[in-house]
Amino acid sequence: MNAKEQESLEAVAGCASNIAALLVLFPLGVLIAIWTAWIVTILWGWFVSPVYRIQPPSLVLLAGMIVTLRFVVWHRVQPTKKGVWRDIGESIAFNLLFGGMVLLEGWLLHLVAR
């Protein structure tokens, strides 16, 4: 196999990997939006409802708002040399851990505010 054929095969493999990554990212993006919306509903119930007497929005409405806000503030992230799957894993871990940390901080503040 010559260099040109090798280069073509690598390009096809890279494209297939990117398509697979998109197919994985879409449902994970929806799940992360629902995870974030769930956290917002809990925090809303602890901190917004008691002050303003406003019921929290539905989980689906909040998830839609989160998707909309992510679209508005989205910026392109340059892929690292680690690979697309490693980048996806780090992004998912960050979103789950960050949401958990925010929920923990809110819970601690909720305990203090009682």
Protein backbone atom coordinates (compact mmCIF):
# COMPACT_ATOMS: atom_id res chain seq x y z
CA MET A 1 0.00 0.00 0.00
CA ASN A 2 1.43 3.36 -0.97
CA ALA A 3 1.41 6.54 1.11
CA LYS A 4 -1.59 8.02 -0.69
CA GLU A 5 -3.77 4.96 -0.03
CA GLN A 6 -2.65 4.93 3.61
CA GLU A 7 -3.56 8.61 3.95
CA SER A 8 -7.00 7.98 2.43
CA LEU A 9 -7.67 5.11 4.85
CA GLU A 10 -6.66 7.27 7.82
CA ALA A 11 -9.00 10.05 6.65
CA VAL A 12 -11.93 7.60 6.37
CA ALA A 13 -11.17 6.16 9.80
CA GLY A 14 -11.00 9.65 11.31
CA CYS A 15 -14.33 10.60 9.73
CA ALA A 16 -15.98 7.39 10.97
CA SER A 17 -14.66 8.07 14.48
CA ASN A 18 -16.08 11.59 14.43
CA ILE A 19 -19.50 10.34 13.25
CA ALA A 20 -19.53 7.72 16.01
CA ALA A 21 -18.61 10.41 18.52
CA LEU A 22 -21.55 12.55 17.39
CA LEU A 23 -23.92 9.59 17.70
CA VAL A 24 -22.71 9.03 21.25
CA LEU A 25 -22.70 12.72 22.19
CA PHE A 26 -26.29 13.47 21.21
CA PRO A 27 -28.01 11.17 23.75
CA LEU A 28 -25.38 11.98 26.37
CA GLY A 29 -26.04 15.68 25.84
CA VAL A 30 -29.74 15.09 26.47
CA LEU A 31 -28.99 13.10 29.63
CA ILE A 32 -26.62 15.78 30.91
CA ALA A 33 -29.27 18.45 30.23
CA ILE A 34 -31.80 16.40 32.25
CA TRP A 35 -29.22 15.88 35.04
CA THR A 36 -28.59 19.63 35.15
CA ALA A 37 -32.32 20.42 35.07
CA TRP A 38 -32.92 18.04 37.97
CA ILE A 39 -30.25 19.84 40.00
CA VAL A 40 -31.77 23.23 39.12
CA THR A 41 -35.24 22.08 40.26
CA ILE A 42 -33.83 21.00 43.61
CA LEU A 43 -31.89 24.23 44.09
CA TRP A 44 -34.95 26.22 42.96
CA GLY A 45 -37.06 24.50 45.61
CA TRP A 46 -34.49 25.30 48.29
CA PHE A 47 -33.63 28.89 47.43
CA VAL A 48 -36.06 30.50 44.97
CA SER A 49 -39.47 29.13 45.99
CA PRO A 50 -39.24 30.14 49.67
CA VAL A 51 -38.29 33.72 48.80
CA TYR A 52 -40.44 34.47 45.76
CA ARG A 53 -43.21 31.88 46.22
CA ILE A 54 -42.66 30.64 42.66
CA GLN A 55 -43.03 26.97 41.88
CA PRO A 56 -40.12 25.41 39.99
CA PRO A 57 -40.54 24.92 36.24
CA SER A 58 -40.99 21.38 34.97
CA LEU A 59 -37.95 19.21 34.37
CA VAL A 60 -38.56 19.17 30.61
CA LEU A 61 -38.90 22.95 30.44
CA LEU A 62 -35.68 23.44 32.39
CA ALA A 63 -33.85 20.91 30.21
CA GLY A 64 -35.00 22.84 27.13
CA MET A 65 -33.82 26.09 28.67
CA ILE A 66 -30.44 24.54 29.44
CA VAL A 67 -30.06 23.27 25.88
CA THR A 68 -30.98 26.75 24.60
CA LEU A 69 -28.49 28.48 26.90
CA ARG A 70 -25.74 26.05 25.95
CA PHE A 71 -26.44 26.82 22.29
CA VAL A 72 -26.23 30.57 22.91
CA VAL A 73 -22.99 30.48 24.91
CA TRP A 74 -21.39 27.56 23.04
CA HIS A 75 -17.84 27.93 21.83
CA ARG A 76 -15.74 25.55 19.81
CA VAL A 77 -13.34 23.52 21.88
CA GLN A 78 -10.17 22.47 20.16
CA PRO A 79 -9.60 18.72 20.32
CA THR A 80 -6.56 17.63 22.25
CA LYS A 81 -3.90 15.17 21.23
CA LYS A 82 -5.43 12.62 23.62
CA GLY A 83 -8.15 11.67 21.13
CA VAL A 84 -11.82 12.38 20.64
CA TRP A 85 -13.04 9.60 22.97
CA ARG A 86 -10.82 10.79 25.81
CA ASP A 87 -12.11 14.34 25.29
CA ILE A 88 -15.71 13.09 25.41
CA GLY A 89 -15.04 11.13 28.58
CA GLU A 90 -13.45 14.14 30.27
CA SER A 91 -16.38 16.35 29.26
CA ILE A 92 -18.94 13.89 30.63
CA ALA A 93 -16.99 13.44 33.87
CA PHE A 94 -16.70 17.21 34.29
CA ASN A 95 -20.44 17.78 33.77
CA LEU A 96 -21.44 15.02 36.19
CA LEU A 97 -18.92 15.97 38.87
CA PHE A 98 -19.55 19.70 38.55
CA GLY A 99 -23.31 19.17 38.88
CA GLY A 100 -22.75 16.96 41.90
CA MET A 101 -20.50 19.55 43.52
CA VAL A 102 -23.05 22.32 42.93
CA LEU A 103 -25.77 20.13 44.44
CA LEU A 104 -23.59 19.37 47.46
CA GLU A 105 -22.79 23.05 47.98
CA GLY A 106 -26.48 23.92 47.68
CA TRP A 107 -27.41 21.20 50.16
CA LEU A 108 -24.88 22.50 52.68
CA LEU A 109 -26.17 26.05 52.27
CA HIS A 110 -29.73 24.74 52.60
CA LEU A 111 -28.82 23.09 55.91
CA VAL A 112 -27.26 26.30 57.20
CA ALA A 113 -30.21 28.45 56.03
CA ARG A 114 -32.81 26.36 57.90
